[in-house]
Amino acid sequence: MKKLIIPALAVLLIACSNLKRNDSVKNAEQKNEAKIDDESVKQDIADFLVKIADARMMDSKEGQLAVTNGTTEEIRAYGKLMVTDQAKLLNEIKIIAAKRNIVLPTDISNDK
């Protein structure tokens, strides 16, 4: 019986790893690649904006967790501040990206 369980678990783990959700950051990078090839977007600027957008979204999610799971009022208040500040920064990044025709991720990366 054990001889059947181990291979079955291995197959299940491999199948589950292929079900990983679509990575919004990788999708944005791929869309920007086409624009880089036709020289309408600069690689270093696109890479930078995608990375900082990803980081701002992660920080916002961390703030949301602090608001909902914070054990003290100070932690919850700091979480609210994080969410507000990161939203402002992300809006600024979106404005810059739009002016430069750069696609940004819509959600945090799988890595984060």
N, C-alpha and C. Protein backbone atom coordinates (compact mmCIF):
# COMPACT_ATOMS: atom_id res chain seq x y z
N MET A 1 0.81 -1.20 0.00
CA MET A 1 0.00 0.00 0.00
C MET A 1 0.86 1.26 0.00
N LYS A 2 1.93 1.29 0.82
CA LYS A 2 2.81 2.45 0.88
C LYS A 2 3.48 2.70 -0.47
N LYS A 3 3.74 1.64 -1.21
CA LYS A 3 4.39 1.78 -2.51
C LYS A 3 3.50 2.53 -3.50
N LEU A 4 2.19 2.46 -3.33
CA LEU A 4 1.26 3.17 -4.21
C LEU A 4 1.04 4.61 -3.76
N ILE A 5 1.09 4.86 -2.47
CA ILE A 5 0.81 6.19 -1.94
C ILE A 5 1.90 7.19 -2.32
N ILE A 6 3.15 6.80 -2.21
CA ILE A 6 4.26 7.73 -2.49
C ILE A 6 4.24 8.20 -3.94
N PRO A 7 4.14 7.32 -4.95
CA PRO A 7 4.07 7.82 -6.34
C PRO A 7 2.82 8.67 -6.59
N ALA A 8 1.71 8.32 -5.96
CA ALA A 8 0.48 9.09 -6.13
C ALA A 8 0.65 10.50 -5.57
N LEU A 9 1.29 10.61 -4.42
CA LEU A 9 1.55 11.93 -3.83
C LEU A 9 2.48 12.75 -4.71
N ALA A 10 3.48 12.10 -5.29
CA ALA A 10 4.41 12.82 -6.17
C ALA A 10 3.68 13.37 -7.38
N VAL A 11 2.81 12.59 -7.97
CA VAL A 11 2.04 13.05 -9.13
C VAL A 11 1.13 14.20 -8.73
N LEU A 12 0.49 14.09 -7.57
CA LEU A 12 -0.39 15.14 -7.08
C LEU A 12 0.37 16.44 -6.85
N LEU A 13 1.55 16.37 -6.25
CA LEU A 13 2.35 17.56 -6.01
C LEU A 13 2.78 18.23 -7.31
N ILE A 14 3.17 17.44 -8.29
CA ILE A 14 3.56 17.99 -9.59
C ILE A 14 2.37 18.66 -10.26
N ALA A 15 1.21 18.04 -10.20
CA ALA A 15 0.01 18.61 -10.81
C ALA A 15 -0.37 19.92 -10.13
N CYS A 16 -0.29 19.95 -8.82
CA CYS A 16 -0.65 21.17 -8.08
C CYS A 16 0.33 22.30 -8.36
N SER A 17 1.58 22.00 -8.56
CA SER A 17 2.56 23.06 -8.84
C SER A 17 2.30 23.70 -10.20
N ASN A 18 1.69 22.96 -11.11
CA ASN A 18 1.37 23.51 -12.43
C ASN A 18 0.10 24.34 -12.41
N LEU A 19 -0.65 24.32 -11.31
CA LEU A 19 -1.88 25.09 -11.21
C LEU A 19 -1.65 26.49 -10.63
N LYS A 20 -0.41 26.89 -10.52
CA LYS A 20 -0.06 28.18 -9.97
C LYS A 20 -0.84 29.28 -10.69
N ARG A 21 -1.32 30.24 -9.94
CA ARG A 21 -2.10 31.31 -10.57
C ARG A 21 -1.23 32.12 -11.51
N ASN A 22 -1.87 32.74 -12.44
CA ASN A 22 -1.19 33.56 -13.42
C ASN A 22 -0.47 34.71 -12.71
N ASP A 23 0.75 34.97 -13.04
CA ASP A 23 1.55 36.00 -12.39
C ASP A 23 1.38 37.32 -13.12
N SER A 24 0.73 38.27 -12.47
CA SER A 24 0.43 39.57 -13.06
C SER A 24 1.70 40.33 -13.44
N VAL A 25 2.75 40.20 -12.63
CA VAL A 25 4.01 40.89 -12.91
C VAL A 25 4.64 40.34 -14.19
N LYS A 26 4.65 39.02 -14.32
CA LYS A 26 5.23 38.41 -15.53
C LYS A 26 4.42 38.80 -16.77
N ASN A 27 3.09 38.87 -16.64
CA ASN A 27 2.26 39.29 -17.76
C ASN A 27 2.58 40.72 -18.17
N ALA A 28 2.75 41.61 -17.21
CA ALA A 28 3.08 43.01 -17.51
C ALA A 28 4.44 43.09 -18.18
N GLU A 29 5.40 42.32 -17.68
CA GLU A 29 6.74 42.32 -18.28
C GLU A 29 6.70 41.84 -19.73
N GLN A 30 5.90 40.82 -19.99
CA GLN A 30 5.79 40.31 -21.36
C GLN A 30 5.16 41.33 -22.30
N LYS A 31 4.14 42.03 -21.82
CA LYS A 31 3.50 43.06 -22.65
C LYS A 31 4.47 44.21 -22.92
N ASN A 32 5.27 44.55 -21.93
CA ASN A 32 6.25 45.62 -22.11
C ASN A 32 7.38 45.21 -23.05
N GLU A 33 7.72 43.91 -23.06
CA GLU A 33 8.78 43.41 -23.95
C GLU A 33 8.47 43.75 -25.41
N ALA A 34 7.22 43.56 -25.81
CA ALA A 34 6.84 43.86 -27.20
C ALA A 34 7.02 45.33 -27.50
N LYS A 35 6.72 46.17 -26.53
CA LYS A 35 6.87 47.62 -26.73
C LYS A 35 8.34 48.01 -26.73
N ILE A 36 9.15 47.29 -25.97
CA ILE A 36 10.59 47.55 -25.94
C ILE A 36 11.19 47.21 -27.30
N ASP A 37 10.71 46.09 -27.87
CA ASP A 37 11.21 45.67 -29.17
C ASP A 37 10.94 46.71 -30.25
N ASP A 38 9.78 47.37 -30.18
CA ASP A 38 9.50 48.39 -31.18
C ASP A 38 9.96 49.79 -30.73
N GLU A 39 10.72 49.81 -29.64
CA GLU A 39 11.40 51.01 -29.11
C GLU A 39 10.46 52.11 -28.63
N SER A 40 9.21 51.75 -28.30
CA SER A 40 8.31 52.77 -27.74
C SER A 40 8.43 52.85 -26.22
N VAL A 41 9.15 51.87 -25.62
CA VAL A 41 9.34 51.83 -24.17
C VAL A 41 10.80 51.50 -23.88
N LYS A 42 11.36 52.15 -22.86
CA LYS A 42 12.73 51.85 -22.45
C LYS A 42 12.73 50.75 -21.40
N GLN A 43 13.57 49.76 -21.60
CA GLN A 43 13.63 48.56 -20.75
C GLN A 43 13.84 48.89 -19.28
N ASP A 44 14.83 49.70 -18.96
CA ASP A 44 15.16 49.96 -17.56
C ASP A 44 14.02 50.68 -16.83
N ILE A 45 13.36 51.59 -17.52
CA ILE A 45 12.25 52.32 -16.90
C ILE A 45 11.07 51.39 -16.68
N ALA A 46 10.76 50.57 -17.68
CA ALA A 46 9.65 49.62 -17.56
C ALA A 46 9.91 48.64 -16.41
N ASP A 47 11.11 48.10 -16.35
CA ASP A 47 11.46 47.14 -15.28
C ASP A 47 11.31 47.79 -13.90
N PHE A 48 11.81 49.01 -13.78
CA PHE A 48 11.75 49.71 -12.50
C PHE A 48 10.30 49.97 -12.08
N LEU A 49 9.48 50.46 -12.99
CA LEU A 49 8.09 50.77 -12.64
C LEU A 49 7.30 49.51 -12.29
N VAL A 50 7.55 48.42 -12.99
CA VAL A 50 6.86 47.16 -12.69
C VAL A 50 7.28 46.68 -11.29
N LYS A 51 8.56 46.75 -10.98
CA LYS A 51 9.04 46.29 -9.67
C LYS A 51 8.50 47.14 -8.52
N ILE A 52 8.49 48.46 -8.70
CA ILE A 52 8.01 49.29 -7.58
C ILE A 52 6.49 49.21 -7.45
N ALA A 53 5.78 48.99 -8.54
CA ALA A 53 4.33 48.79 -8.44
C ALA A 53 4.05 47.51 -7.67
N ASP A 54 4.79 46.46 -7.97
CA ASP A 54 4.64 45.18 -7.26
C ASP A 54 4.92 45.37 -5.77
N ALA A 55 5.96 46.10 -5.44
CA ALA A 55 6.32 46.33 -4.04
C ALA A 55 5.25 47.16 -3.32
N ARG A 56 4.70 48.17 -3.99
CA ARG A 56 3.67 49.00 -3.37
C ARG A 56 2.41 48.18 -3.09
N MET A 57 2.05 47.29 -4.02
CA MET A 57 0.87 46.45 -3.81
C MET A 57 1.09 45.47 -2.66
N MET A 58 2.32 44.96 -2.54
CA MET A 58 2.63 44.07 -1.43
C MET A 58 2.53 44.82 -0.10
N ASP A 59 3.09 46.02 -0.05
CA ASP A 59 3.04 46.81 1.18
C ASP A 59 1.60 47.15 1.56
N SER A 60 0.77 47.40 0.56
CA SER A 60 -0.64 47.68 0.82
C SER A 60 -1.33 46.46 1.43
N LYS A 61 -1.04 45.28 0.90
CA LYS A 61 -1.62 44.04 1.45
C LYS A 61 -1.13 43.81 2.88
N GLU A 62 0.13 44.13 3.13
CA GLU A 62 0.64 44.01 4.50
C GLU A 62 -0.11 44.95 5.43
N GLY A 63 -0.38 46.16 4.96
CA GLY A 63 -1.15 47.11 5.76
C GLY A 63 -2.55 46.61 6.03
N GLN A 64 -3.16 46.01 5.03
CA GLN A 64 -4.50 45.44 5.21
C GLN A 64 -4.50 44.34 6.26
N LEU A 65 -3.45 43.53 6.24
CA LEU A 65 -3.33 42.47 7.25
C LEU A 65 -3.17 43.07 8.65
N ALA A 66 -2.41 44.15 8.74
CA ALA A 66 -2.23 44.81 10.04
C ALA A 66 -3.55 45.36 10.55
N VAL A 67 -4.37 45.89 9.64
CA VAL A 67 -5.67 46.43 10.03
C VAL A 67 -6.59 45.32 10.54
N THR A 68 -6.63 44.22 9.82
CA THR A 68 -7.56 43.15 10.20
C THR A 68 -7.04 42.24 11.31
N ASN A 69 -5.72 42.07 11.39
CA ASN A 69 -5.17 41.13 12.37
C ASN A 69 -4.36 41.80 13.47
N GLY A 70 -4.27 43.10 13.46
CA GLY A 70 -3.47 43.81 14.46
C GLY A 70 -3.98 43.55 15.86
N THR A 71 -3.04 43.35 16.79
CA THR A 71 -3.41 43.04 18.17
C THR A 71 -3.58 44.27 19.03
N THR A 72 -3.12 45.41 18.53
CA THR A 72 -3.30 46.66 19.28
C THR A 72 -3.84 47.73 18.33
N GLU A 73 -4.40 48.77 18.93
CA GLU A 73 -4.92 49.88 18.11
C GLU A 73 -3.80 50.57 17.33
N GLU A 74 -2.61 50.63 17.91
CA GLU A 74 -1.47 51.25 17.22
C GLU A 74 -1.10 50.49 15.95
N ILE A 75 -1.12 49.17 16.03
CA ILE A 75 -0.80 48.35 14.85
C ILE A 75 -1.86 48.55 13.79
N ARG A 76 -3.13 48.55 14.18
CA ARG A 76 -4.21 48.74 13.21
C ARG A 76 -4.13 50.14 12.59
N ALA A 77 -3.81 51.14 13.39
CA ALA A 77 -3.68 52.51 12.86
C ALA A 77 -2.51 52.61 11.88
N TYR A 78 -1.42 51.96 12.22
CA TYR A 78 -0.26 51.96 11.31
C TYR A 78 -0.61 51.24 10.00
N GLY A 79 -1.37 50.16 10.10
CA GLY A 79 -1.82 49.45 8.90
C GLY A 79 -2.65 50.35 8.00
N LYS A 80 -3.55 51.13 8.58
CA LYS A 80 -4.36 52.08 7.80
C LYS A 80 -3.47 53.10 7.11
N LEU A 81 -2.47 53.59 7.82
CA LEU A 81 -1.53 54.55 7.25
C LEU A 81 -0.77 53.93 6.07
N MET A 82 -0.35 52.68 6.25
CA MET A 82 0.35 51.98 5.16
C MET A 82 -0.52 51.87 3.92
N VAL A 83 -1.77 51.47 4.11
CA VAL A 83 -2.69 51.31 2.98
C VAL A 83 -2.88 52.64 2.26
N THR A 84 -3.08 53.71 3.01
CA THR A 84 -3.29 55.03 2.42
C THR A 84 -2.05 55.51 1.68
N ASP A 85 -0.89 55.42 2.32
CA ASP A 85 0.36 55.88 1.69
C ASP A 85 0.71 55.07 0.45
N GLN A 86 0.56 53.75 0.52
CA GLN A 86 0.90 52.92 -0.63
C GLN A 86 -0.06 53.17 -1.79
N ALA A 87 -1.32 53.44 -1.50
CA ALA A 87 -2.29 53.75 -2.56
C ALA A 87 -1.89 55.05 -3.28
N LYS A 88 -1.47 56.05 -2.51
CA LYS A 88 -1.01 57.31 -3.11
C LYS A 88 0.21 57.09 -4.00
N LEU A 89 1.17 56.33 -3.48
CA LEU A 89 2.37 56.05 -4.26
C LEU A 89 2.05 55.27 -5.53
N LEU A 90 1.17 54.28 -5.40
CA LEU A 90 0.81 53.48 -6.57
C LEU A 90 0.09 54.32 -7.62
N ASN A 91 -0.74 55.26 -7.18
CA ASN A 91 -1.39 56.16 -8.14
C ASN A 91 -0.37 57.00 -8.90
N GLU A 92 0.64 57.49 -8.20
CA GLU A 92 1.72 58.26 -8.86
C GLU A 92 2.45 57.40 -9.88
N ILE A 93 2.73 56.15 -9.52
CA ILE A 93 3.42 55.23 -10.41
C ILE A 93 2.56 54.97 -11.65
N LYS A 94 1.25 54.81 -11.46
CA LYS A 94 0.34 54.58 -12.59
C LYS A 94 0.33 55.76 -13.55
N ILE A 95 0.38 56.96 -13.02
CA ILE A 95 0.41 58.16 -13.87
C ILE A 95 1.68 58.18 -14.71
N ILE A 96 2.81 57.92 -14.08
CA ILE A 96 4.09 57.90 -14.80
C ILE A 96 4.08 56.80 -15.86
N ALA A 97 3.60 55.62 -15.50
CA ALA A 97 3.56 54.50 -16.44
C ALA A 97 2.66 54.81 -17.63
N ALA A 98 1.52 55.42 -17.38
CA ALA A 98 0.60 55.74 -18.46
C ALA A 98 1.23 56.73 -19.44
N LYS A 99 1.95 57.71 -18.92
CA LYS A 99 2.62 58.69 -19.79
C LYS A 99 3.68 58.04 -20.66
N ARG A 100 4.26 56.95 -20.17
CA ARG A 100 5.34 56.27 -20.90
C ARG A 100 4.87 55.01 -21.62
N ASN A 101 3.54 54.78 -21.61
CA ASN A 101 2.96 53.63 -22.31
C ASN A 101 3.49 52.30 -21.75
N ILE A 102 3.62 52.22 -20.43
CA ILE A 102 4.14 51.02 -19.76
C ILE A 102 3.00 50.31 -19.06
N VAL A 103 2.93 49.01 -19.24
CA VAL A 103 1.91 48.17 -18.60
C VAL A 103 2.40 47.79 -17.20
N LEU A 104 1.53 47.99 -16.21
CA LEU A 104 1.86 47.62 -14.83
C LEU A 104 1.06 46.38 -14.42
N PRO A 105 1.56 45.65 -13.43
CA PRO A 105 0.80 44.50 -12.94
C PRO A 105 -0.48 44.96 -12.24
N THR A 106 -1.46 44.08 -12.24
CA THR A 106 -2.74 44.39 -11.57
C THR A 106 -2.82 43.78 -10.18
N ASP A 107 -1.87 42.89 -9.87
CA ASP A 107 -1.85 42.23 -8.56
C ASP A 107 -0.40 41.91 -8.23
N ILE A 108 -0.14 41.59 -6.97
CA ILE A 108 1.24 41.28 -6.59
C ILE A 108 1.71 39.99 -7.26
N SER A 109 3.00 39.88 -7.39
CA SER A 109 3.60 38.70 -8.03
C SER A 109 3.41 37.46 -7.19
N ASN A 110 3.53 36.30 -7.83
CA ASN A 110 3.46 35.03 -7.11
C ASN A 110 4.56 34.93 -6.07
N ASP A 111 5.73 35.49 -6.38
CA ASP A 111 6.84 35.44 -5.42
C ASP A 111 6.54 36.18 -4.14
N LYS A 112 5.84 37.28 -4.25
CA LYS A 112 5.53 38.07 -3.06
C LYS A 112 4.32 37.51 -2.36
